[in-house]
């Protein structure tokens, strides 16, 4: 067998690995999307979103400027956005249901009423998100997508896979993560430790950790052994930073709704939002990813 033939066989094997991994994710995305629309089961919504996210991750590795597979990338991006709106509402509602249960058990009637109003408001918003998902997902995950997918598999995938080494991409993502971490450390050393800029930087660090986690998972078939532990490492980092981000989002959601809209008394509102701010800051100061200076407790 000639050197040229060996190289060709290796490339075919590499392409086949990419195709098998991506097609499995594609089938999962299609199946979960179809099932999700039957009764909007939160786990099926979550799995459809996760599989679209993994497909986006692999497409970004193969086609970083989104030129060769732009239309396909756009469809998965739109689907992820619609699924994400419903999923985020599901998570917030479940969290606030647990908080309401705890408030009722503690005899905190006014707080329980506030939480009931927030849950109702978010359920109404979720209805809107579900309607949009119901209208758009069948188009995004239908026959047109099948056509785009088959064209990608048959003609676009092989030349892209030939040019990209996921191990190099993984190292680039590590460098970007460390740079963002350095930015956070600098901000958290001084008076800006609890500023909007610091929280925004931490949010960017969380996104970088998520990208590393999903790359380690979705591209495991093509990664060197030294990267195989990355999924768990960055999952733990993402979860810590995600707890801070979730609480911030919930506080921002409350403020965007407003006390008047919920029909809540000023005292109850202030007590609950102050408590939530305290939770955000506690999560921030207890995170083990980036040390935070003990400064003024304000948010």
C-alpha atoms as a PDB file:
ATOM      1  CA  UNK A   1       0.000   0.000   0.000  1.00  0.00           C
ATOM      2  CA  UNK A   2       1.395   3.392  -0.995  1.00  0.00           C
ATOM      3  CA  UNK A   3       1.940   6.325   1.355  1.00  0.00           C
ATOM      4  CA  UNK A   4      -0.749   8.216  -0.534  1.00  0.00           C
ATOM      5  CA  UNK A   5      -3.236   5.379  -0.062  1.00  0.00           C
ATOM      6  CA  UNK A   6      -2.444   5.148   3.660  1.00  0.00           C
ATOM      7  CA  UNK A   7      -3.033   8.884   4.045  1.00  0.00           C
ATOM      8  CA  UNK A   8      -6.302   8.627   2.126  1.00  0.00           C
ATOM      9  CA  UNK A   9      -7.485   5.721   4.290  1.00  0.00           C
ATOM     10  CA  UNK A  10      -6.624   7.619   7.467  1.00  0.00           C
ATOM     11  CA  UNK A  11      -8.595  10.615   6.241  1.00  0.00           C
ATOM     12  CA  UNK A  12     -11.597   8.446   5.373  1.00  0.00           C
ATOM     13  CA  UNK A  13     -11.444   6.905   8.844  1.00  0.00           C
ATOM     14  CA  UNK A  14     -11.256  10.367  10.423  1.00  0.00           C
ATOM     15  CA  UNK A  15     -14.208  11.596   8.356  1.00  0.00           C
ATOM     16  CA  UNK A  16     -16.191   8.501   9.285  1.00  0.00           C
ATOM     17  CA  UNK A  17     -15.597   9.199  12.989  1.00  0.00           C
ATOM     18  CA  UNK A  18     -16.866  12.750  12.608  1.00  0.00           C
ATOM     19  CA  UNK A  19     -19.855  11.615  10.566  1.00  0.00           C
ATOM     20  CA  UNK A  20     -20.872   8.889  13.036  1.00  0.00           C
ATOM     21  CA  UNK A  21     -20.568  11.192  16.041  1.00  0.00           C
ATOM     22  CA  UNK A  22     -22.448  14.068  14.421  1.00  0.00           C
ATOM     23  CA  UNK A  23     -25.165  11.915  12.872  1.00  0.00           C
ATOM     24  CA  UNK A  24     -25.936  10.349  16.253  1.00  0.00           C
ATOM     25  CA  UNK A  25     -26.363  13.833  17.727  1.00  0.00           C
ATOM     26  CA  UNK A  26     -28.496  14.828  14.748  1.00  0.00           C
ATOM     27  CA  UNK A  27     -30.859  11.865  15.173  1.00  0.00           C
ATOM     28  CA  UNK A  28     -31.094  12.613  18.910  1.00  0.00           C
ATOM     29  CA  UNK A  29     -31.906  16.254  18.175  1.00  0.00           C
ATOM     30  CA  UNK A  30     -34.615  15.315  15.683  1.00  0.00           C
ATOM     31  CA  UNK A  31     -36.175  12.690  17.984  1.00  0.00           C
ATOM     32  CA  UNK A  32     -36.120  14.829  21.135  1.00  0.00           C
ATOM     33  CA  UNK A  33     -37.467  17.831  19.228  1.00  0.00           C
ATOM     34  CA  UNK A  34     -40.385  15.780  17.938  1.00  0.00           C
ATOM     35  CA  UNK A  35     -41.143  14.354  21.391  1.00  0.00           C
ATOM     36  CA  UNK A  36     -40.736  17.748  23.092  1.00  0.00           C
ATOM     37  CA  UNK A  37     -43.626  19.195  21.101  1.00  0.00           C
ATOM     38  CA  UNK A  38     -46.050  16.485  22.236  1.00  0.00           C
ATOM     39  CA  UNK A  39     -46.358  17.653  25.842  1.00  0.00           C
ATOM     40  CA  UNK A  40     -43.406  20.038  26.390  1.00  0.00           C
ATOM     41  CA  UNK A  41     -41.760  17.604  28.796  1.00  0.00           C
ATOM     42  CA  UNK A  42     -38.927  19.517  30.469  1.00  0.00           C
ATOM     43  CA  UNK A  43     -36.372  16.697  30.083  1.00  0.00           C
ATOM     44  CA  UNK A  44     -37.107  16.284  26.373  1.00  0.00           C
ATOM     45  CA  UNK A  45     -36.799  20.052  25.914  1.00  0.00           C
ATOM     46  CA  UNK A  46     -33.485  19.891  27.759  1.00  0.00           C
ATOM     47  CA  UNK A  47     -32.148  16.977  25.696  1.00  0.00           C
ATOM     48  CA  UNK A  48     -33.165  18.573  22.385  1.00  0.00           C
ATOM     49  CA  UNK A  49     -31.319  21.712  23.470  1.00  0.00           C
ATOM     50  CA  UNK A  50     -28.227  19.781  24.623  1.00  0.00           C
ATOM     51  CA  UNK A  51     -27.945  17.880  21.353  1.00  0.00           C
ATOM     52  CA  UNK A  52     -28.333  21.070  19.312  1.00  0.00           C
ATOM     53  CA  UNK A  53     -25.633  22.650  21.457  1.00  0.00           C
ATOM     54  CA  UNK A  54     -23.253  19.733  20.802  1.00  0.00           C
ATOM     55  CA  UNK A  55     -23.920  19.950  17.064  1.00  0.00           C
ATOM     56  CA  UNK A  56     -23.188  23.680  17.165  1.00  0.00           C
ATOM     57  CA  UNK A  57     -19.960  22.922  19.036  1.00  0.00           C
ATOM     58  CA  UNK A  58     -18.752  20.443  16.426  1.00  0.00           C
ATOM     59  CA  UNK A  59     -19.799  22.668  13.530  1.00  0.00           C
ATOM     60  CA  UNK A  60     -17.856  25.545  15.093  1.00  0.00           C
ATOM     61  CA  UNK A  61     -14.761  23.341  15.311  1.00  0.00           C
ATOM     62  CA  UNK A  62     -15.015  22.270  11.678  1.00  0.00           C
ATOM     63  CA  UNK A  63     -16.187  25.617  10.294  1.00  0.00           C
ATOM     64  CA  UNK A  64     -15.164  28.372  12.733  1.00  0.00           C
ATOM     65  CA  UNK A  65     -16.215  31.285  10.530  1.00  0.00           C
ATOM     66  CA  UNK A  66     -19.541  29.571   9.642  1.00  0.00           C
ATOM     67  CA  UNK A  67     -19.010  29.946   5.909  1.00  0.00           C
ATOM     68  CA  UNK A  68     -19.099  26.385   4.572  1.00  0.00           C
ATOM     69  CA  UNK A  69     -22.117  25.303   6.654  1.00  0.00           C
ATOM     70  CA  UNK A  70     -23.684  28.674   7.458  1.00  0.00           C
ATOM     71  CA  UNK A  71     -27.294  27.708   6.775  1.00  0.00           C
ATOM     72  CA  UNK A  72     -27.060  24.517   8.817  1.00  0.00           C
ATOM     73  CA  UNK A  73     -25.418  26.354  11.713  1.00  0.00           C
ATOM     74  CA  UNK A  74     -28.123  29.034  11.606  1.00  0.00           C
ATOM     75  CA  UNK A  75     -30.925  26.457  11.869  1.00  0.00           C
ATOM     76  CA  UNK A  76     -29.403  24.761  14.931  1.00  0.00           C
ATOM     77  CA  UNK A  77     -28.751  28.181  16.485  1.00  0.00           C
ATOM     78  CA  UNK A  78     -32.387  29.231  16.044  1.00  0.00           C
ATOM     79  CA  UNK A  79     -33.626  25.914  17.422  1.00  0.00           C
ATOM     80  CA  UNK A  80     -31.350  26.215  20.446  1.00  0.00           C
ATOM     81  CA  UNK A  81     -32.615  29.738  21.110  1.00  0.00           C
ATOM     82  CA  UNK A  82     -36.283  28.690  21.035  1.00  0.00           C
ATOM     83  CA  UNK A  83     -35.624  25.592  23.150  1.00  0.00           C
ATOM     84  CA  UNK A  84     -33.540  27.679  25.550  1.00  0.00           C
ATOM     85  CA  UNK A  85     -36.338  30.157  26.230  1.00  0.00           C
ATOM     86  CA  UNK A  86     -38.656  27.348  27.315  1.00  0.00           C
ATOM     87  CA  UNK A  87     -35.931  25.516  29.241  1.00  0.00           C
ATOM     88  CA  UNK A  88     -34.857  28.621  31.180  1.00  0.00           C
ATOM     89  CA  UNK A  89     -38.479  29.314  32.130  1.00  0.00           C
ATOM     90  CA  UNK A  90     -38.857  25.684  33.281  1.00  0.00           C
ATOM     91  CA  UNK A  91     -35.790  25.986  35.525  1.00  0.00           C
ATOM     92  CA  UNK A  92     -36.866  29.301  37.053  1.00  0.00           C
ATOM     93  CA  UNK A  93     -40.423  28.073  37.720  1.00  0.00           C
ATOM     94  CA  UNK A  94     -39.218  24.880  39.411  1.00  0.00           C
ATOM     95  CA  UNK A  95     -36.734  26.779  41.550  1.00  0.00           C
ATOM     96  CA  UNK A  96     -39.341  29.300  42.662  1.00  0.00           C
ATOM     97  CA  UNK A  97     -41.818  26.500  43.392  1.00  0.00           C
ATOM     98  CA  UNK A  98     -39.272  25.024  45.790  1.00  0.00           C
ATOM     99  CA  UNK A  99     -38.720  28.435  47.354  1.00  0.00           C
ATOM    100  CA  UNK A 100     -42.472  28.918  47.743  1.00  0.00           C
ATOM    101  CA  UNK A 101     -42.815  25.533  49.434  1.00  0.00           C
ATOM    102  CA  UNK A 102     -40.036  26.437  51.891  1.00  0.00           C
ATOM    103  CA  UNK A 103     -41.622  29.854  52.550  1.00  0.00           C
ATOM    104  CA  UNK A 104     -45.009  28.256  53.283  1.00  0.00           C
ATOM    105  CA  UNK A 105     -43.425  25.707  55.633  1.00  0.00           C
ATOM    106  CA  UNK A 106     -41.657  28.557  57.448  1.00  0.00           C
ATOM    107  CA  UNK A 107     -44.920  30.506  57.792  1.00  0.00           C
ATOM    108  CA  UNK A 108     -43.667  33.302  55.515  1.00  0.00           C
ATOM    109  CA  UNK A 109     -47.062  34.016  53.980  1.00  0.00           C
ATOM    110  CA  UNK A 110     -46.194  37.266  52.191  1.00  0.00           C
ATOM    111  CA  UNK A 111     -43.061  35.798  50.633  1.00  0.00           C
ATOM    112  CA  UNK A 112     -45.040  32.753  49.490  1.00  0.00           C
ATOM    113  CA  UNK A 113     -47.571  35.078  47.858  1.00  0.00           C
ATOM    114  CA  UNK A 114     -44.790  36.970  46.075  1.00  0.00           C
ATOM    115  CA  UNK A 115     -43.344  33.728  44.766  1.00  0.00           C
ATOM    116  CA  UNK A 116     -46.786  32.566  43.629  1.00  0.00           C
ATOM    117  CA  UNK A 117     -47.156  35.789  41.631  1.00  0.00           C
ATOM    118  CA  UNK A 118     -43.702  35.346  40.039  1.00  0.00           C
ATOM    119  CA  UNK A 119     -44.487  31.729  39.129  1.00  0.00           C
ATOM    120  CA  UNK A 120     -47.775  32.752  37.519  1.00  0.00           C
ATOM    121  CA  UNK A 121     -46.055  35.529  35.578  1.00  0.00           C
ATOM    122  CA  UNK A 122     -43.351  33.162  34.332  1.00  0.00           C
ATOM    123  CA  UNK A 123     -45.890  30.488  33.405  1.00  0.00           C
ATOM    124  CA  UNK A 124     -47.624  33.072  31.225  1.00  0.00           C
ATOM    125  CA  UNK A 125     -44.279  33.919  29.600  1.00  0.00           C
ATOM    126  CA  UNK A 126     -43.567  30.233  29.121  1.00  0.00           C
ATOM    127  CA  UNK A 127     -46.867  29.852  27.253  1.00  0.00           C
ATOM    128  CA  UNK A 128     -45.625  32.489  24.802  1.00  0.00           C
ATOM    129  CA  UNK A 129     -42.264  30.718  24.423  1.00  0.00           C
ATOM    130  CA  UNK A 130     -43.998  27.369  23.916  1.00  0.00           C
ATOM    131  CA  UNK A 131     -46.262  28.814  21.215  1.00  0.00           C
ATOM    132  CA  UNK A 132     -43.242  30.156  19.340  1.00  0.00           C
ATOM    133  CA  UNK A 133     -41.443  26.833  19.771  1.00  0.00           C
ATOM    134  CA  UNK A 134     -44.493  24.927  18.560  1.00  0.00           C
ATOM    135  CA  UNK A 135     -44.732  27.171  15.497  1.00  0.00           C
ATOM    136  CA  UNK A 136     -41.033  27.223  14.576  1.00  0.00           C
ATOM    137  CA  UNK A 137     -39.422  23.959  15.686  1.00  0.00           C
ATOM    138  CA  UNK A 138     -41.254  21.717  13.162  1.00  0.00           C
ATOM    139  CA  UNK A 139     -39.821  23.920  10.394  1.00  0.00           C
ATOM    140  CA  UNK A 140     -36.369  24.071  11.956  1.00  0.00           C
ATOM    141  CA  UNK A 141     -36.213  20.312  12.582  1.00  0.00           C
ATOM    142  CA  UNK A 142     -38.156  19.104   9.538  1.00  0.00           C
ATOM    143  CA  UNK A 143     -37.573  17.916   5.970  1.00  0.00           C
ATOM    144  CA  UNK A 144     -35.703  21.046   4.950  1.00  0.00           C
ATOM    145  CA  UNK A 145     -33.160  20.406   7.693  1.00  0.00           C
ATOM    146  CA  UNK A 146     -32.830  16.787   6.548  1.00  0.00           C
ATOM    147  CA  UNK A 147     -31.858  18.076   3.101  1.00  0.00           C
ATOM    148  CA  UNK A 148     -29.263  20.456   4.520  1.00  0.00           C
ATOM    149  CA  UNK A 149     -27.903  17.709   6.753  1.00  0.00           C
ATOM    150  CA  UNK A 150     -27.519  15.166   3.950  1.00  0.00           C
ATOM    151  CA  UNK A 151     -25.765  17.744   1.765  1.00  0.00           C
ATOM    152  CA  UNK A 152     -23.382  18.488   4.634  1.00  0.00           C
ATOM    153  CA  UNK A 153     -22.635  14.791   5.223  1.00  0.00           C
ATOM    154  CA  UNK A 154     -22.090  13.965   1.568  1.00  0.00           C
ATOM    155  CA  UNK A 155     -20.023  16.900   0.354  1.00  0.00           C
ATOM    156  CA  UNK A 156     -19.035  19.410   3.051  1.00  0.00           C
ATOM    157  CA  UNK A 157     -17.922  17.307   6.002  1.00  0.00           C
ATOM    158  CA  UNK A 158     -14.897  15.533   4.538  1.00  0.00           C
ATOM    159  CA  UNK A 159     -12.915  18.597   3.367  1.00  0.00           C
ATOM    160  CA  UNK A 160     -13.655  20.368   6.655  1.00  0.00           C
ATOM    161  CA  UNK A 161     -12.557  17.379   8.756  1.00  0.00           C
ATOM    162  CA  UNK A 162      -9.338  17.170   6.738  1.00  0.00           C
ATOM    163  CA  UNK A 163      -8.318  20.689   7.726  1.00  0.00           C
ATOM    164  CA  UNK A 164      -9.152  20.729  11.434  1.00  0.00           C
ATOM    165  CA  UNK A 165      -7.435  19.167  14.449  1.00  0.00           C
ATOM    166  CA  UNK A 166      -9.729  19.291  17.474  1.00  0.00           C
ATOM    167  CA  UNK A 167      -6.735  18.976  19.821  1.00  0.00           C
ATOM    168  CA  UNK A 168      -5.432  22.311  18.556  1.00  0.00           C
ATOM    169  CA  UNK A 169      -8.908  23.814  19.004  1.00  0.00           C
ATOM    170  CA  UNK A 170      -9.065  22.454  22.556  1.00  0.00           C
ATOM    171  CA  UNK A 171      -5.749  24.068  23.411  1.00  0.00           C
ATOM    172  CA  UNK A 172      -6.932  27.384  21.955  1.00  0.00           C
ATOM    173  CA  UNK A 173     -10.063  27.186  24.104  1.00  0.00           C
ATOM    174  CA  UNK A 174      -7.914  26.508  27.180  1.00  0.00           C
ATOM    175  CA  UNK A 175      -5.797  29.581  26.459  1.00  0.00           C
ATOM    176  CA  UNK A 176      -8.926  31.723  25.993  1.00  0.00           C
ATOM    177  CA  UNK A 177     -10.355  30.396  29.268  1.00  0.00           C
ATOM    178  CA  UNK A 178      -7.158  31.208  31.171  1.00  0.00           C
ATOM    179  CA  UNK A 179      -7.093  34.723  29.716  1.00  0.00           C
ATOM    180  CA  UNK A 180     -10.685  35.311  30.850  1.00  0.00           C
ATOM    181  CA  UNK A 181      -9.829  33.865  34.250  1.00  0.00           C
ATOM    182  CA  UNK A 182      -6.910  36.281  34.541  1.00  0.00           C
ATOM    183  CA  UNK A 183      -9.257  39.178  33.740  1.00  0.00           C
ATOM    184  CA  UNK A 184     -11.637  38.029  36.472  1.00  0.00           C
ATOM    185  CA  UNK A 185      -8.845  37.669  39.027  1.00  0.00           C
ATOM    186  CA  UNK A 186      -7.711  41.223  38.339  1.00  0.00           C
ATOM    187  CA  UNK A 187     -11.232  42.607  38.754  1.00  0.00           C
ATOM    188  CA  UNK A 188     -11.934  40.576  41.889  1.00  0.00           C
ATOM    189  CA  UNK A 189      -8.797  41.797  43.662  1.00  0.00           C
ATOM    190  CA  UNK A 190      -9.939  45.389  43.983  1.00  0.00           C
ATOM    191  CA  UNK A 191     -12.914  47.639  44.571  1.00  0.00           C
ATOM    192  CA  UNK A 192     -14.584  46.339  41.387  1.00  0.00           C
ATOM    193  CA  UNK A 193     -15.053  42.872  42.952  1.00  0.00           C
ATOM    194  CA  UNK A 194     -18.848  43.216  43.030  1.00  0.00           C
ATOM    195  CA  UNK A 195     -19.291  45.554  40.084  1.00  0.00           C
ATOM    196  CA  UNK A 196     -21.337  44.910  36.957  1.00  0.00           C
ATOM    197  CA  UNK A 197     -18.085  44.652  35.006  1.00  0.00           C
ATOM    198  CA  UNK A 198     -16.856  41.879  37.303  1.00  0.00           C
ATOM    199  CA  UNK A 199     -20.106  39.919  37.006  1.00  0.00           C
ATOM    200  CA  UNK A 200     -20.045  40.304  33.223  1.00  0.00           C
ATOM    201  CA  UNK A 201     -16.464  39.008  33.145  1.00  0.00           C
ATOM    202  CA  UNK A 202     -17.493  36.035  35.287  1.00  0.00           C
ATOM    203  CA  UNK A 203     -20.352  35.356  32.880  1.00  0.00           C
ATOM    204  CA  UNK A 204     -17.851  35.282  29.989  1.00  0.00           C
ATOM    205  CA  UNK A 205     -15.680  32.867  31.979  1.00  0.00           C
ATOM    206  CA  UNK A 206     -18.697  30.588  32.505  1.00  0.00           C
ATOM    207  CA  UNK A 207     -19.376  30.564  28.767  1.00  0.00           C
ATOM    208  CA  UNK A 208     -15.723  29.669  28.102  1.00  0.00           C
ATOM    209  CA  UNK A 209     -15.956  26.793  30.600  1.00  0.00           C
ATOM    210  CA  UNK A 210     -19.153  25.580  28.938  1.00  0.00           C
ATOM    211  CA  UNK A 211     -17.471  25.619  25.528  1.00  0.00           C
ATOM    212  CA  UNK A 212     -14.578  23.530  26.857  1.00  0.00           C
ATOM    213  CA  UNK A 213     -16.976  21.109  28.542  1.00  0.00           C
ATOM    214  CA  UNK A 214     -19.090  20.599  25.429  1.00  0.00           C
ATOM    215  CA  UNK A 215     -16.039  20.266  23.196  1.00  0.00           C
ATOM    216  CA  UNK A 216     -14.537  17.630  25.495  1.00  0.00           C
ATOM    217  CA  UNK A 217     -17.816  15.702  25.393  1.00  0.00           C
ATOM    218  CA  UNK A 218     -18.911  16.068  21.780  1.00  0.00           C
ATOM    219  CA  UNK A 219     -15.429  15.683  20.270  1.00  0.00           C
ATOM    220  CA  UNK A 220     -14.144  12.988  22.653  1.00  0.00           C
ATOM    221  CA  UNK A 221     -13.712  10.584  19.697  1.00  0.00           C
ATOM    222  CA  UNK A 222     -11.024  12.854  18.196  1.00  0.00           C
ATOM    223  CA  UNK A 223      -9.247  14.112  21.323  1.00  0.00           C
ATOM    224  CA  UNK A 224      -5.937  12.999  22.793  1.00  0.00           C
ATOM    225  CA  UNK A 225      -6.015  11.182  26.128  1.00  0.00           C
ATOM    226  CA  UNK A 226      -4.784  14.251  28.037  1.00  0.00           C
ATOM    227  CA  UNK A 227      -8.069  16.040  27.281  1.00  0.00           C
ATOM    228  CA  UNK A 228     -10.412  13.224  28.335  1.00  0.00           C
ATOM    229  CA  UNK A 229     -10.826  14.505  31.905  1.00  0.00           C
ATOM    230  CA  UNK A 230     -11.733  18.001  30.717  1.00  0.00           C
ATOM    231  CA  UNK A 231     -15.455  17.381  30.517  1.00  0.00           C
ATOM    232  CA  UNK A 232     -15.716  16.731  34.265  1.00  0.00           C
ATOM    233  CA  UNK A 233     -13.222  19.465  35.203  1.00  0.00           C
ATOM    234  CA  UNK A 234     -15.035  22.182  33.281  1.00  0.00           C
ATOM    235  CA  UNK A 235     -18.460  20.844  34.203  1.00  0.00           C
ATOM    236  CA  UNK A 236     -17.640  21.518  37.866  1.00  0.00           C
ATOM    237  CA  UNK A 237     -16.356  24.987  37.019  1.00  0.00           C
ATOM    238  CA  UNK A 238     -19.429  25.740  34.923  1.00  0.00           C
ATOM    239  CA  UNK A 239     -21.758  24.584  37.700  1.00  0.00           C
ATOM    240  CA  UNK A 240     -20.135  26.862  40.279  1.00  0.00           C
ATOM    241  CA  UNK A 241     -20.242  29.864  38.000  1.00  0.00           C
ATOM    242  CA  UNK A 242     -23.707  28.862  36.793  1.00  0.00           C
ATOM    243  CA  UNK A 243     -25.106  29.066  40.318  1.00  0.00           C
ATOM    244  CA  UNK A 244     -23.994  32.702  40.524  1.00  0.00           C
ATOM    245  CA  UNK A 245     -25.362  33.465  37.074  1.00  0.00           C
ATOM    246  CA  UNK A 246     -28.729  31.785  37.723  1.00  0.00           C
ATOM    247  CA  UNK A 247     -29.333  33.809  40.868  1.00  0.00           C
ATOM    248  CA  UNK A 248     -28.347  36.999  39.061  1.00  0.00           C
ATOM    249  CA  UNK A 249     -30.748  36.203  36.234  1.00  0.00           C
ATOM    250  CA  UNK A 250     -33.561  35.542  38.702  1.00  0.00           C
ATOM    251  CA  UNK A 251     -32.906  38.868  40.421  1.00  0.00           C
ATOM    252  CA  UNK A 252     -32.829  40.645  37.053  1.00  0.00           C
ATOM    253  CA  UNK A 253     -36.052  38.878  36.058  1.00  0.00           C
ATOM    254  CA  UNK A 254     -37.770  40.102  39.217  1.00  0.00           C
ATOM    255  CA  UNK A 255     -36.584  43.651  38.648  1.00  0.00           C
ATOM    256  CA  UNK A 256     -37.700  43.559  35.015  1.00  0.00           C
ATOM    257  CA  UNK A 257     -41.200  42.457  36.085  1.00  0.00           C
ATOM    258  CA  UNK A 258     -41.410  45.024  38.869  1.00  0.00           C
ATOM    259  CA  UNK A 259     -43.201  45.140  42.194  1.00  0.00           C
ATOM    260  CA  UNK A 260     -46.325  46.836  40.850  1.00  0.00           C
ATOM    261  CA  UNK A 261     -46.865  44.216  38.150  1.00  0.00           C
ATOM    262  CA  UNK A 262     -46.782  41.471  40.778  1.00  0.00           C
ATOM    263  CA  UNK A 263     -48.996  43.372  43.227  1.00  0.00           C
ATOM    264  CA  UNK A 264     -46.545  42.917  46.087  1.00  0.00           C
ATOM    265  CA  UNK A 265     -46.053  45.172  49.110  1.00  0.00           C
ATOM    266  CA  UNK A 266     -42.873  47.232  49.320  1.00  0.00           C
ATOM    267  CA  UNK A 267     -41.631  45.590  52.525  1.00  0.00           C
ATOM    268  CA  UNK A 268     -42.091  42.038  51.218  1.00  0.00           C
ATOM    269  CA  UNK A 269     -40.475  42.998  47.910  1.00  0.00           C
ATOM    270  CA  UNK A 270     -37.443  44.597  49.552  1.00  0.00           C
ATOM    271  CA  UNK A 271     -36.948  41.707  51.964  1.00  0.00           C
ATOM    272  CA  UNK A 272     -37.050  39.097  49.210  1.00  0.00           C
ATOM    273  CA  UNK A 273     -34.885  40.955  46.686  1.00  0.00           C
ATOM    274  CA  UNK A 274     -32.365  41.785  49.450  1.00  0.00           C
ATOM    275  CA  UNK A 275     -32.240  38.102  50.388  1.00  0.00           C
ATOM    276  CA  UNK A 276     -31.688  37.135  46.751  1.00  0.00           C
ATOM    277  CA  UNK A 277     -28.902  39.716  46.410  1.00  0.00           C
ATOM    278  CA  UNK A 278     -27.273  38.196  49.481  1.00  0.00           C
ATOM    279  CA  UNK A 279     -27.480  34.748  47.881  1.00  0.00           C
ATOM    280  CA  UNK A 280     -25.774  36.066  44.746  1.00  0.00           C
ATOM    281  CA  UNK A 281     -22.937  37.560  46.761  1.00  0.00           C
ATOM    282  CA  UNK A 282     -22.562  34.462  48.940  1.00  0.00           C
ATOM    283  CA  UNK A 283     -22.316  32.272  45.846  1.00  0.00           C
ATOM    284  CA  UNK A 284     -19.795  34.715  44.403  1.00  0.00           C
ATOM    285  CA  UNK A 285     -17.592  34.766  47.498  1.00  0.00           C
ATOM    286  CA  UNK A 286     -17.769  30.998  48.004  1.00  0.00           C
ATOM    287  CA  UNK A 287     -16.821  30.056  44.446  1.00  0.00           C
ATOM    288  CA  UNK A 288     -13.507  28.203  44.161  1.00  0.00           C
ATOM    289  CA  UNK A 289     -12.786  29.164  40.559  1.00  0.00           C
ATOM    290  CA  UNK A 290     -11.738  32.792  41.066  1.00  0.00           C
ATOM    291  CA  UNK A 291     -10.881  34.214  44.518  1.00  0.00           C
ATOM    292  CA  UNK A 292     -12.974  37.272  45.396  1.00  0.00           C
ATOM    293  CA  UNK A 293     -11.814  40.088  47.648  1.00  0.00           C
ATOM    294  CA  UNK A 294     -13.975  40.889  50.674  1.00  0.00           C
ATOM    295  CA  UNK A 295     -15.347  44.315  49.799  1.00  0.00           C
ATOM    296  CA  UNK A 296     -18.566  46.219  50.264  1.00  0.00           C
ATOM    297  CA  UNK A 297     -21.602  43.924  50.032  1.00  0.00           C
ATOM    298  CA  UNK A 298     -23.523  45.652  47.282  1.00  0.00           C
ATOM    299  CA  UNK A 299     -25.119  44.564  44.033  1.00  0.00           C
END
